[in-house]
Amino acid sequence: MIEKGFTTCLWFDGRAEEAAQYYTSVFEDGRIGKTSRYTEAGPGPAGSVITVDFEINGQKFVALNGGPEFSFTEAISFQIKCENQAEVDHYWDRLTEGGGQEVQCGWVKDRF
């Protein structure tokens, strides 16, 4: 039976597995699901990652190694609702580490 609901697909250029591991480490309730890999018959190198399913706070995502055709822009963003300043600071610090950027109006760009 097909599970109903929405899954957000995030397009990466070879970094899908790294991104899924990173995002699930930032959030307490993050978890990795199924990882799909190319076989010998696939267009990518055998054993390399095609997709990684992951979940954060009940929201389902799939990280896709789709290639260099598309990249992330500010046209898409995710809001994190926080209970206090300590929680804001936690996410701010974690999402800007490793190459993330602080952006105006309380926004941050993570390293991906």
PDB file of N, CA and C in Angstrom:
ATOM      1  N   MET A   1       0.842  -1.181   0.000  1.00  0.00           N
ATOM      2  CA  MET A   1       0.000   0.000   0.000  1.00  0.00           C
ATOM      3  C   MET A   1       0.890   1.249   0.000  1.00  0.00           C
ATOM      4  N   ILE A   2       0.518   2.217  -0.791  1.00  0.00           N
ATOM      5  CA  ILE A   2       1.283   3.461  -0.885  1.00  0.00           C
ATOM      6  C   ILE A   2       0.911   4.378   0.272  1.00  0.00           C
ATOM      7  N   GLU A   3       1.927   4.886   0.935  1.00  0.00           N
ATOM      8  CA  GLU A   3       1.721   5.819   2.042  1.00  0.00           C
ATOM      9  C   GLU A   3       1.401   7.197   1.479  1.00  0.00           C
ATOM     10  N   LYS A   4       0.332   7.817   1.981  1.00  0.00           N
ATOM     11  CA  LYS A   4      -0.055   9.146   1.517  1.00  0.00           C
ATOM     12  C   LYS A   4       0.761  10.210   2.235  1.00  0.00           C
ATOM     13  N   GLY A   5       0.809  11.372   1.643  1.00  0.00           N
ATOM     14  CA  GLY A   5       1.517  12.487   2.241  1.00  0.00           C
ATOM     15  C   GLY A   5       2.483  13.104   1.252  1.00  0.00           C
ATOM     16  N   PHE A   6       3.302  13.988   1.751  1.00  0.00           N
ATOM     17  CA  PHE A   6       4.262  14.707   0.924  1.00  0.00           C
ATOM     18  C   PHE A   6       5.683  14.323   1.312  1.00  0.00           C
ATOM     19  N   THR A   7       6.528  14.242   0.319  1.00  0.00           N
ATOM     20  CA  THR A   7       7.956  14.049   0.538  1.00  0.00           C
ATOM     21  C   THR A   7       8.676  15.153  -0.224  1.00  0.00           C
ATOM     22  N   THR A   8       9.519  15.885   0.457  1.00  0.00           N
ATOM     23  CA  THR A   8      10.294  16.949  -0.166  1.00  0.00           C
ATOM     24  C   THR A   8      11.548  16.344  -0.777  1.00  0.00           C
ATOM     25  N   CYS A   9      11.755  16.592  -2.071  1.00  0.00           N
ATOM     26  CA  CYS A   9      12.943  16.088  -2.764  1.00  0.00           C
ATOM     27  C   CYS A   9      13.971  17.213  -2.850  1.00  0.00           C
ATOM     28  N   LEU A  10      15.174  16.935  -2.374  1.00  0.00           N
ATOM     29  CA  LEU A  10      16.283  17.892  -2.418  1.00  0.00           C
ATOM     30  C   LEU A  10      17.329  17.365  -3.394  1.00  0.00           C
ATOM     31  N   TRP A  11      17.684  18.157  -4.385  1.00  0.00           N
ATOM     32  CA  TRP A  11      18.554  17.757  -5.490  1.00  0.00           C
ATOM     33  C   TRP A  11      19.997  18.151  -5.181  1.00  0.00           C
ATOM     34  N   PHE A  12      20.880  17.181  -5.202  1.00  0.00           N
ATOM     35  CA  PHE A  12      22.299  17.409  -4.937  1.00  0.00           C
ATOM     36  C   PHE A  12      23.132  16.920  -6.111  1.00  0.00           C
ATOM     37  N   ASP A  13      24.356  17.373  -6.153  1.00  0.00           N
ATOM     38  CA  ASP A  13      25.307  16.934  -7.174  1.00  0.00           C
ATOM     39  C   ASP A  13      26.370  16.067  -6.506  1.00  0.00           C
ATOM     40  N   GLY A  14      25.993  14.828  -6.170  1.00  0.00           N
ATOM     41  CA  GLY A  14      26.946  13.885  -5.597  1.00  0.00           C
ATOM     42  C   GLY A  14      27.088  13.932  -4.088  1.00  0.00           C
ATOM     43  N   ARG A  15      26.330  14.797  -3.405  1.00  0.00           N
ATOM     44  CA  ARG A  15      26.492  14.944  -1.950  1.00  0.00           C
ATOM     45  C   ARG A  15      25.225  14.578  -1.172  1.00  0.00           C
ATOM     46  N   ALA A  16      24.340  13.809  -1.777  1.00  0.00           N
ATOM     47  CA  ALA A  16      23.062  13.472  -1.139  1.00  0.00           C
ATOM     48  C   ALA A  16      23.256  12.740   0.182  1.00  0.00           C
ATOM     49  N   GLU A  17      24.120  11.751   0.213  1.00  0.00           N
ATOM     50  CA  GLU A  17      24.322  10.980   1.439  1.00  0.00           C
ATOM     51  C   GLU A  17      24.934  11.851   2.537  1.00  0.00           C
ATOM     52  N   GLU A  18      25.917  12.651   2.181  1.00  0.00           N
ATOM     53  CA  GLU A  18      26.543  13.563   3.143  1.00  0.00           C
ATOM     54  C   GLU A  18      25.513  14.544   3.704  1.00  0.00           C
ATOM     55  N   ALA A  19      24.675  15.092   2.834  1.00  0.00           N
ATOM     56  CA  ALA A  19      23.665  16.055   3.269  1.00  0.00           C
ATOM     57  C   ALA A  19      22.638  15.411   4.197  1.00  0.00           C
ATOM     58  N   ALA A  20      22.153  14.232   3.853  1.00  0.00           N
ATOM     59  CA  ALA A  20      21.164  13.547   4.695  1.00  0.00           C
ATOM     60  C   ALA A  20      21.749  13.245   6.072  1.00  0.00           C
ATOM     61  N   GLN A  21      22.987  12.807   6.106  1.00  0.00           N
ATOM     62  CA  GLN A  21      23.638  12.531   7.396  1.00  0.00           C
ATOM     63  C   GLN A  21      23.794  13.817   8.205  1.00  0.00           C
ATOM     64  N   TYR A  22      24.156  14.889   7.542  1.00  0.00           N
ATOM     65  CA  TYR A  22      24.321  16.179   8.210  1.00  0.00           C
ATOM     66  C   TYR A  22      22.995  16.672   8.792  1.00  0.00           C
ATOM     67  N   TYR A  23      21.952  16.724   7.962  1.00  0.00           N
ATOM     68  CA  TYR A  23      20.665  17.237   8.430  1.00  0.00           C
ATOM     69  C   TYR A  23      20.099  16.403   9.573  1.00  0.00           C
ATOM     70  N   THR A  24      20.220  15.092   9.496  1.00  0.00           N
ATOM     71  CA  THR A  24      19.680  14.256  10.576  1.00  0.00           C
ATOM     72  C   THR A  24      20.504  14.380  11.851  1.00  0.00           C
ATOM     73  N   SER A  25      21.748  14.832  11.744  1.00  0.00           N
ATOM     74  CA  SER A  25      22.559  15.044  12.949  1.00  0.00           C
ATOM     75  C   SER A  25      22.235  16.378  13.623  1.00  0.00           C
ATOM     76  N   VAL A  26      21.733  17.335  12.862  1.00  0.00           N
ATOM     77  CA  VAL A  26      21.416  18.658  13.398  1.00  0.00           C
ATOM     78  C   VAL A  26      20.161  18.613  14.275  1.00  0.00           C
ATOM     79  N   PHE A  27      19.202  17.794  13.885  1.00  0.00           N
ATOM     80  CA  PHE A  27      17.919  17.731  14.579  1.00  0.00           C
ATOM     81  C   PHE A  27      17.820  16.454  15.402  1.00  0.00           C
ATOM     82  N   GLU A  28      17.374  16.585  16.667  1.00  0.00           N
ATOM     83  CA  GLU A  28      17.317  15.452  17.593  1.00  0.00           C
ATOM     84  C   GLU A  28      16.533  14.271  17.054  1.00  0.00           C
ATOM     85  N   ASP A  29      15.448  14.543  16.366  1.00  0.00           N
ATOM     86  CA  ASP A  29      14.587  13.461  15.905  1.00  0.00           C
ATOM     87  C   ASP A  29      14.854  13.054  14.459  1.00  0.00           C
ATOM     88  N   GLY A  30      15.987  13.465  13.912  1.00  0.00           N
ATOM     89  CA  GLY A  30      16.320  13.108  12.539  1.00  0.00           C
ATOM     90  C   GLY A  30      16.721  11.647  12.423  1.00  0.00           C
ATOM     91  N   ARG A  31      16.309  11.024  11.318  1.00  0.00           N
ATOM     92  CA  ARG A  31      16.706   9.633  11.099  1.00  0.00           C
ATOM     93  C   ARG A  31      16.850   9.362   9.608  1.00  0.00           C
ATOM     94  N   ILE A  32      17.800   8.507   9.293  1.00  0.00           N
ATOM     95  CA  ILE A  32      18.034   8.066   7.919  1.00  0.00           C
ATOM     96  C   ILE A  32      17.165   6.848   7.652  1.00  0.00           C
ATOM     97  N   GLY A  33      16.584   6.795   6.473  1.00  0.00           N
ATOM     98  CA  GLY A  33      15.806   5.638   6.044  1.00  0.00           C
ATOM     99  C   GLY A  33      16.589   4.844   5.009  1.00  0.00           C
ATOM    100  N   LYS A  34      15.945   4.560   3.911  1.00  0.00           N
ATOM    101  CA  LYS A  34      16.527   3.728   2.855  1.00  0.00           C
ATOM    102  C   LYS A  34      17.528   4.522   2.012  1.00  0.00           C
ATOM    103  N   THR A  35      18.626   3.876   1.680  1.00  0.00           N
ATOM    104  CA  THR A  35      19.605   4.429   0.740  1.00  0.00           C
ATOM    105  C   THR A  35      19.605   3.547  -0.499  1.00  0.00           C
ATOM    106  N   SER A  36      19.393   4.149  -1.667  1.00  0.00           N
ATOM    107  CA  SER A  36      19.404   3.412  -2.936  1.00  0.00           C
ATOM    108  C   SER A  36      20.708   3.693  -3.661  1.00  0.00           C
ATOM    109  N   ARG A  37      21.291   2.635  -4.219  1.00  0.00           N
ATOM    110  CA  ARG A  37      22.581   2.756  -4.906  1.00  0.00           C
ATOM    111  C   ARG A  37      22.480   2.232  -6.332  1.00  0.00           C
ATOM    112  N   TYR A  38      23.324   2.756  -7.184  1.00  0.00           N
ATOM    113  CA  TYR A  38      23.393   2.265  -8.559  1.00  0.00           C
ATOM    114  C   TYR A  38      23.919   0.838  -8.585  1.00  0.00           C
ATOM    115  N   THR A  39      23.420   0.079  -9.528  1.00  0.00           N
ATOM    116  CA  THR A  39      23.937  -1.265  -9.786  1.00  0.00           C
ATOM    117  C   THR A  39      24.903  -1.167 -10.965  1.00  0.00           C
ATOM    118  N   GLU A  40      25.424  -2.283 -11.380  1.00  0.00           N
ATOM    119  CA  GLU A  40      26.319  -2.317 -12.554  1.00  0.00           C
ATOM    120  C   GLU A  40      25.619  -1.775 -13.801  1.00  0.00           C
ATOM    121  N   ALA A  41      24.293  -1.940 -13.873  1.00  0.00           N
ATOM    122  CA  ALA A  41      23.532  -1.522 -15.050  1.00  0.00           C
ATOM    123  C   ALA A  41      23.161  -0.038 -15.027  1.00  0.00           C
ATOM    124  N   GLY A  42      23.379   0.650 -13.903  1.00  0.00           N
ATOM    125  CA  GLY A  42      22.962   2.044 -13.775  1.00  0.00           C
ATOM    126  C   GLY A  42      23.874   3.014 -14.492  1.00  0.00           C
ATOM    127  N   PRO A  43      23.395   4.245 -14.682  1.00  0.00           N
ATOM    128  CA  PRO A  43      24.212   5.252 -15.359  1.00  0.00           C
ATOM    129  C   PRO A  43      25.359   5.787 -14.503  1.00  0.00           C
ATOM    130  N   GLY A  44      25.264   5.605 -13.174  1.00  0.00           N
ATOM    131  CA  GLY A  44      26.326   6.058 -12.280  1.00  0.00           C
ATOM    132  C   GLY A  44      27.238   4.910 -11.917  1.00  0.00           C
ATOM    133  N   PRO A  45      28.350   5.201 -11.251  1.00  0.00           N
ATOM    134  CA  PRO A  45      29.262   4.140 -10.816  1.00  0.00           C
ATOM    135  C   PRO A  45      28.550   3.160  -9.885  1.00  0.00           C
ATOM    136  N   ALA A  46      28.763   1.880 -10.100  1.00  0.00           N
ATOM    137  CA  ALA A  46      28.135   0.849  -9.267  1.00  0.00           C
ATOM    138  C   ALA A  46      28.447   1.110  -7.798  1.00  0.00           C
ATOM    139  N   GLY A  47      27.413   1.077  -6.975  1.00  0.00           N
ATOM    140  CA  GLY A  47      27.569   1.297  -5.542  1.00  0.00           C
ATOM    141  C   GLY A  47      27.416   2.741  -5.107  1.00  0.00           C
ATOM    142  N   SER A  48      27.441   3.677  -6.052  1.00  0.00           N
ATOM    143  CA  SER A  48      27.281   5.083  -5.666  1.00  0.00           C
ATOM    144  C   SER A  48      25.809   5.375  -5.361  1.00  0.00           C
ATOM    145  N   VAL A  49      25.580   6.372  -4.532  1.00  0.00           N
ATOM    146  CA  VAL A  49      24.240   6.681  -4.036  1.00  0.00           C
ATOM    147  C   VAL A  49      23.404   7.396  -5.095  1.00  0.00           C
ATOM    148  N   ILE A  50      22.165   6.918  -5.253  1.00  0.00           N
ATOM    149  CA  ILE A  50      21.171   7.613  -6.081  1.00  0.00           C
ATOM    150  C   ILE A  50      20.317   8.496  -5.170  1.00  0.00           C
ATOM    151  N   THR A  51      19.702   7.865  -4.157  1.00  0.00           N
ATOM    152  CA  THR A  51      18.822   8.590  -3.241  1.00  0.00           C
ATOM    153  C   THR A  51      19.022   8.131  -1.802  1.00  0.00           C
ATOM    154  N   VAL A  52      18.702   9.030  -0.884  1.00  0.00           N
ATOM    155  CA  VAL A  52      18.685   8.711   0.546  1.00  0.00           C
ATOM    156  C   VAL A  52      17.379   9.264   1.108  1.00  0.00           C
ATOM    157  N   ASP A  53      16.569   8.388   1.691  1.00  0.00           N
ATOM    158  CA  ASP A  53      15.355   8.817   2.375  1.00  0.00           C
ATOM    159  C   ASP A  53      15.723   9.199   3.800  1.00  0.00           C
ATOM    160  N   PHE A  54      15.196  10.325   4.272  1.00  0.00           N
ATOM    161  CA  PHE A  54      15.409  10.700   5.667  1.00  0.00           C
ATOM    162  C   PHE A  54      14.209  11.471   6.179  1.00  0.00           C
ATOM    163  N   GLU A  55      14.135  11.600   7.490  1.00  0.00           N
ATOM    164  CA  GLU A  55      12.995  12.246   8.125  1.00  0.00           C
ATOM    165  C   GLU A  55      13.480  13.144   9.253  1.00  0.00           C
ATOM    166  N   ILE A  56      12.853  14.315   9.341  1.00  0.00           N
ATOM    167  CA  ILE A  56      13.135  15.264  10.416  1.00  0.00           C
ATOM    168  C   ILE A  56      11.800  15.779  10.933  1.00  0.00           C
ATOM    169  N   ASN A  57      11.565  15.604  12.222  1.00  0.00           N
ATOM    170  CA  ASN A  57      10.345  16.100  12.854  1.00  0.00           C
ATOM    171  C   ASN A  57       9.083  15.635  12.124  1.00  0.00           C
ATOM    172  N   GLY A  58       9.092  14.409  11.647  1.00  0.00           N
ATOM    173  CA  GLY A  58       7.936  13.851  10.954  1.00  0.00           C
ATOM    174  C   GLY A  58       7.840  14.231   9.490  1.00  0.00           C
ATOM    175  N   GLN A  59       8.674  15.155   9.020  1.00  0.00           N
ATOM    176  CA  GLN A  59       8.685  15.558   7.613  1.00  0.00           C
ATOM    177  C   GLN A  59       9.610  14.631   6.841  1.00  0.00           C
ATOM    178  N   LYS A  60       9.102  14.071   5.752  1.00  0.00           N
ATOM    179  CA  LYS A  60       9.893  13.148   4.940  1.00  0.00           C
ATOM    180  C   LYS A  60      10.618  13.902   3.832  1.00  0.00           C
ATOM    181  N   PHE A  61      11.856  13.486   3.607  1.00  0.00           N
ATOM    182  CA  PHE A  61      12.693  14.054   2.562  1.00  0.00           C
ATOM    183  C   PHE A  61      13.332  12.922   1.774  1.00  0.00           C
ATOM    184  N   VAL A  62      13.690  13.216   0.538  1.00  0.00           N
ATOM    185  CA  VAL A  62      14.562  12.331  -0.218  1.00  0.00           C
ATOM    186  C   VAL A  62      15.676  13.210  -0.784  1.00  0.00           C
ATOM    187  N   ALA A  63      16.910  12.819  -0.515  1.00  0.00           N
ATOM    188  CA  ALA A  63      18.075  13.506  -1.076  1.00  0.00           C
ATOM    189  C   ALA A  63      18.446  12.755  -2.346  1.00  0.00           C
ATOM    190  N   LEU A  64      18.494  13.453  -3.460  1.00  0.00           N
ATOM    191  CA  LEU A  64      18.720  12.858  -4.777  1.00  0.00           C
ATOM    192  C   LEU A  64      20.027  13.363  -5.364  1.00  0.00           C
ATOM    193  N   ASN A  65      20.879  12.446  -5.784  1.00  0.00           N
ATOM    194  CA  ASN A  65      22.078  12.838  -6.529  1.00  0.00           C
ATOM    195  C   ASN A  65      21.678  12.972  -7.990  1.00  0.00           C
ATOM    196  N   GLY A  66      21.179  14.155  -8.343  1.00  0.00           N
ATOM    197  CA  GLY A  66      20.634  14.380  -9.671  1.00  0.00           C
ATOM    198  C   GLY A  66      21.614  14.963 -10.668  1.00  0.00           C
ATOM    199  N   GLY A  67      22.767  15.421 -10.201  1.00  0.00           N
ATOM    200  CA  GLY A  67      23.741  16.008 -11.109  1.00  0.00           C
ATOM    201  C   GLY A  67      23.811  17.519 -10.970  1.00  0.00           C
ATOM    202  N   PRO A  68      24.624  18.152 -11.806  1.00  0.00           N
ATOM    203  CA  PRO A  68      24.910  19.580 -11.667  1.00  0.00           C
ATOM    204  C   PRO A  68      23.885  20.521 -12.310  1.00  0.00           C
ATOM    205  N   GLU A  69      22.823  19.987 -12.889  1.00  0.00           N
ATOM    206  CA  GLU A  69      21.886  20.826 -13.644  1.00  0.00           C
ATOM    207  C   GLU A  69      21.184  21.884 -12.802  1.00  0.00           C
ATOM    208  N   PHE A  70      20.912  21.576 -11.526  1.00  0.00           N
ATOM    209  CA  PHE A  70      20.165  22.496 -10.677  1.00  0.00           C
ATOM    210  C   PHE A  70      20.900  22.713  -9.362  1.00  0.00           C
ATOM    211  N   SER A  71      20.714  23.884  -8.775  1.00  0.00           N
ATOM    212  CA  SER A  71      21.301  24.161  -7.463  1.00  0.00           C
ATOM    213  C   SER A  71      20.267  24.889  -6.612  1.00  0.00           C
ATOM    214  N   PHE A  72      20.517  24.955  -5.322  1.00  0.00           N
ATOM    215  CA  PHE A  72      19.586  25.594  -4.401  1.00  0.00           C
ATOM    216  C   PHE A  72      19.652  27.108  -4.526  1.00  0.00           C
ATOM    217  N   THR A  73      18.504  27.750  -4.326  1.00  0.00           N
ATOM    218  CA  THR A  73      18.424  29.211  -4.299  1.00  0.00           C
ATOM    219  C   THR A  73      17.577  29.630  -3.100  1.00  0.00           C
ATOM    220  N   GLU A  74      17.526  30.920  -2.862  1.00  0.00           N
ATOM    221  CA  GLU A  74      16.707  31.457  -1.781  1.00  0.00           C
ATOM    222  C   GLU A  74      15.215  31.353  -2.079  1.00  0.00           C
ATOM    223  N   ALA A  75      14.855  30.899  -3.267  1.00  0.00           N
ATOM    224  CA  ALA A  75      13.441  30.742  -3.607  1.00  0.00           C
ATOM    225  C   ALA A  75      12.769  29.657  -2.768  1.00  0.00           C
ATOM    226  N   ILE A  76      13.554  28.775  -2.188  1.00  0.00           N
ATOM    227  CA  ILE A  76      13.040  27.724  -1.304  1.00  0.00           C
ATOM    228  C   ILE A  76      13.756  27.841   0.034  1.00  0.00           C
ATOM    229  N   SER A  77      12.986  27.814   1.111  1.00  0.00           N
ATOM    230  CA  SER A  77      13.600  27.851   2.439  1.00  0.00           C
ATOM    231  C   SER A  77      12.736  27.062   3.417  1.00  0.00           C
ATOM    232  N   PHE A  78      13.324  26.715   4.548  1.00  0.00           N
ATOM    233  CA  PHE A  78      12.632  25.997   5.612  1.00  0.00           C
ATOM    234  C   PHE A  78      12.702  26.837   6.876  1.00  0.00           C
ATOM    235  N   GLN A  79      11.587  26.957   7.567  1.00  0.00           N
ATOM    236  CA  GLN A  79      11.546  27.688   8.829  1.00  0.00           C
ATOM    237  C   GLN A  79      11.592  26.692   9.976  1.00  0.00           C
ATOM    238  N   ILE A  80      12.366  27.026  10.993  1.00  0.00           N
ATOM    239  CA  ILE A  80      12.462  26.195  12.192  1.00  0.00           C
ATOM    240  C   ILE A  80      11.820  26.974  13.332  1.00  0.00           C
ATOM    241  N   LYS A  81      10.771  26.433  13.899  1.00  0.00           N
ATOM    242  CA  LYS A  81      10.104  27.091  15.029  1.00  0.00           C
ATOM    243  C   LYS A  81      10.807  26.685  16.312  1.00  0.00           C
ATOM    244  N   CYS A  82      11.292  27.683  17.047  1.00  0.00           N
ATOM    245  CA  CYS A  82      12.075  27.438  18.259  1.00  0.00           C
ATOM    246  C   CYS A  82      11.330  27.952  19.486  1.00  0.00           C
ATOM    247  N   GLU A  83      11.564  27.287  20.609  1.00  0.00           N
ATOM    248  CA  GLU A  83      10.903  27.662  21.861  1.00  0.00           C
ATOM    249  C   GLU A  83      11.651  28.733  22.636  1.00  0.00           C
ATOM    250  N   ASN A  84      12.975  28.848  22.427  1.00  0.00           N
ATOM    251  CA  ASN A  84      13.749  29.811  23.208  1.00  0.00           C
ATOM    252  C   ASN A  84      15.035  30.174  22.465  1.00  0.00           C
ATOM    253  N   GLN A  85      15.757  31.140  23.017  1.00  0.00           N
ATOM    254  CA  GLN A  85      16.981  31.616  22.371  1.00  0.00           C
ATOM    255  C   GLN A  85      18.051  30.535  22.296  1.00  0.00           C
ATOM    256  N   ALA A  86      18.123  29.677  23.292  1.00  0.00           N
ATOM    257  CA  ALA A  86      19.118  28.597  23.280  1.00  0.00           C
ATOM    258  C   ALA A  86      18.896  27.674  22.084  1.00  0.00           C
ATOM    259  N   GLU A  87      17.649  27.406  21.767  1.00  0.00           N
ATOM    260  CA  GLU A  87      17.342  26.556  20.616  1.00  0.00           C
ATOM    261  C   GLU A  87      17.693  27.267  19.311  1.00  0.00           C
ATOM    262  N   VAL A  88      17.396  28.561  19.234  1.00  0.00           N
ATOM    263  CA  VAL A  88      17.776  29.355  18.059  1.00  0.00           C
ATOM    264  C   VAL A  88      19.289  29.299  17.872  1.00  0.00           C
ATOM    265  N   ASP A  89      20.025  29.514  18.952  1.00  0.00           N
ATOM    266  CA  ASP A  89      21.486  29.505  18.888  1.00  0.00           C
ATOM    267  C   ASP A  89      22.018  28.148  18.437  1.00  0.00           C
ATOM    268  N   HIS A  90      21.411  27.070  18.925  1.00  0.00           N
ATOM    269  CA  HIS A  90      21.834  25.720  18.529  1.00  0.00           C
ATOM    270  C   HIS A  90      21.725  25.552  17.018  1.00  0.00           C
ATOM    271  N   TYR A  91      20.552  25.847  16.465  1.00  0.00           N
ATOM    272  CA  TYR A  91      20.358  25.663  15.025  1.00  0.00           C
ATOM    273  C   TYR A  91      21.209  26.640  14.220  1.00  0.00           C
ATOM    274  N   TRP A  92      21.333  27.862  14.689  1.00  0.00           N
ATOM    275  CA  TRP A  92      22.158  28.859  13.998  1.00  0.00           C
ATOM    276  C   TRP A  92      23.602  28.363  13.904  1.00  0.00           C
ATOM    277  N   ASP A  93      24.127  27.911  15.028  1.00  0.00           N
ATOM    278  CA  ASP A  93      25.517  27.436  15.057  1.00  0.00           C
ATOM    279  C   ASP A  93      25.704  26.197  14.186  1.00  0.00           C
ATOM    280  N   ARG A  94      24.804  25.243  14.289  1.00  0.00           N
ATOM    281  CA  ARG A  94      24.941  23.999  13.530  1.00  0.00           C
ATOM    282  C   ARG A  94      24.769  24.221  12.031  1.00  0.00           C
ATOM    283  N   LEU A  95      23.838  25.077  11.641  1.00  0.00           N
ATOM    284  CA  LEU A  95      23.567  25.269  10.217  1.00  0.00           C
ATOM    285  C   LEU A  95      24.579  26.177   9.531  1.00  0.00           C
ATOM    286  N   THR A  96      25.323  26.976  10.301  1.00  0.00           N
ATOM    287  CA  THR A  96      26.356  27.809   9.678  1.00  0.00           C
ATOM    288  C   THR A  96      27.740  27.161   9.734  1.00  0.00           C
ATOM    289  N   GLU A  97      27.890  26.070  10.495  1.00  0.00           N
ATOM    290  CA  GLU A  97      29.207  25.432  10.603  1.00  0.00           C
ATOM    291  C   GLU A  97      29.599  24.763   9.281  1.00  0.00           C
ATOM    292  N   GLY A  98      30.877  24.661   9.068  1.00  0.00           N
ATOM    293  CA  GLY A  98      31.378  23.943   7.901  1.00  0.00           C
ATOM    294  C   GLY A  98      31.130  24.621   6.574  1.00  0.00           C
ATOM    295  N   GLY A  99      30.955  25.936   6.581  1.00  0.00           N
ATOM    296  CA  GLY A  99      30.784  26.642   5.319  1.00  0.00           C
ATOM    297  C   GLY A  99      29.428  27.290   5.133  1.00  0.00           C
ATOM    298  N   GLY A 100      28.543  27.180   6.125  1.00  0.00           N
ATOM    299  CA  GLY A 100      27.259  27.873   6.047  1.00  0.00           C
ATOM    300  C   GLY A 100      27.467  29.376   6.165  1.00  0.00           C
ATOM    301  N   GLN A 101      26.432  30.141   5.840  1.00  0.00           N
ATOM    302  CA  GLN A 101      26.547  31.596   5.850  1.00  0.00           C
ATOM    303  C   GLN A 101      25.400  32.231   6.617  1.00  0.00           C
ATOM    304  N   GLU A 102      25.708  33.297   7.348  1.00  0.00           N
ATOM    305  CA  GLU A 102      24.671  34.115   7.958  1.00  0.00           C
ATOM    306  C   GLU A 102      24.134  35.047   6.884  1.00  0.00           C
ATOM    307  N   VAL A 103      22.815  35.178   6.834  1.00  0.00           N
ATOM    308  CA  VAL A 103      22.166  36.031   5.850  1.00  0.00           C
ATOM    309  C   VAL A 103      21.278  37.008   6.610  1.00  0.00           C
ATOM    310  N   GLN A 104      20.937  38.108   5.996  1.00  0.00           N
ATOM    311  CA  GLN A 104      20.135  39.123   6.672  1.00  0.00           C
ATOM    312  C   GLN A 104      18.773  38.596   7.132  1.00  0.00           C
ATOM    313  N   CYS A 105      18.186  39.301   8.060  1.00  0.00           N
ATOM    314  CA  CYS A 105      16.839  39.027   8.579  1.00  0.00           C
ATOM    315  C   CYS A 105      16.718  37.684   9.287  1.00  0.00           C
ATOM    316  N   GLY A 106      17.795  37.209   9.901  1.00  0.00           N
ATOM    317  CA  GLY A 106      17.726  35.982  10.680  1.00  0.00           C
ATOM    318  C   GLY A 106      17.737  34.703   9.871  1.00  0.00           C
ATOM    319  N   TRP A 107      18.139  34.773   8.631  1.00  0.00           N
ATOM    320  CA  TRP A 107      18.221  33.582   7.791  1.00  0.00           C
ATOM    321  C   TRP A 107      19.653  33.076   7.789  1.00  0.00           C
ATOM    322  N   VAL A 108      19.797  31.783   7.562  1.00  0.00           N
ATOM    323  CA  VAL A 108      21.116  31.185   7.361  1.00  0.00           C
ATOM    324  C   VAL A 108      21.062  30.283   6.140  1.00  0.00           C
ATOM    325  N   LYS A 109      22.210  30.142   5.499  1.00  0.00           N
ATOM    326  CA  LYS A 109      22.368  29.171   4.410  1.00  0.00           C
ATOM    327  C   LYS A 109      23.302  28.096   4.938  1.00  0.00           C
ATOM    328  N   ASP A 110      22.887  26.852   4.852  1.00  0.00           N
ATOM    329  CA  ASP A 110      23.801  25.791   5.266  1.00  0.00           C
ATOM    330  C   ASP A 110      24.822  25.550   4.160  1.00  0.00           C
ATOM    331  N   ARG A 111      25.754  24.664   4.396  1.00  0.00           N
ATOM    332  CA  ARG A 111      26.868  24.465   3.457  1.00  0.00           C
ATOM    333  C   ARG A 111      26.464  23.808   2.143  1.00  0.00           C
ATOM    334  N   PHE A 112      25.260  23.334   2.033  1.00  0.00           N
ATOM    335  CA  PHE A 112      24.827  22.698   0.791  1.00  0.00           C
ATOM    336  C   PHE A 112      24.095  23.670  -0.102  1.00  0.00           C
TER     337      PHE A 112
END
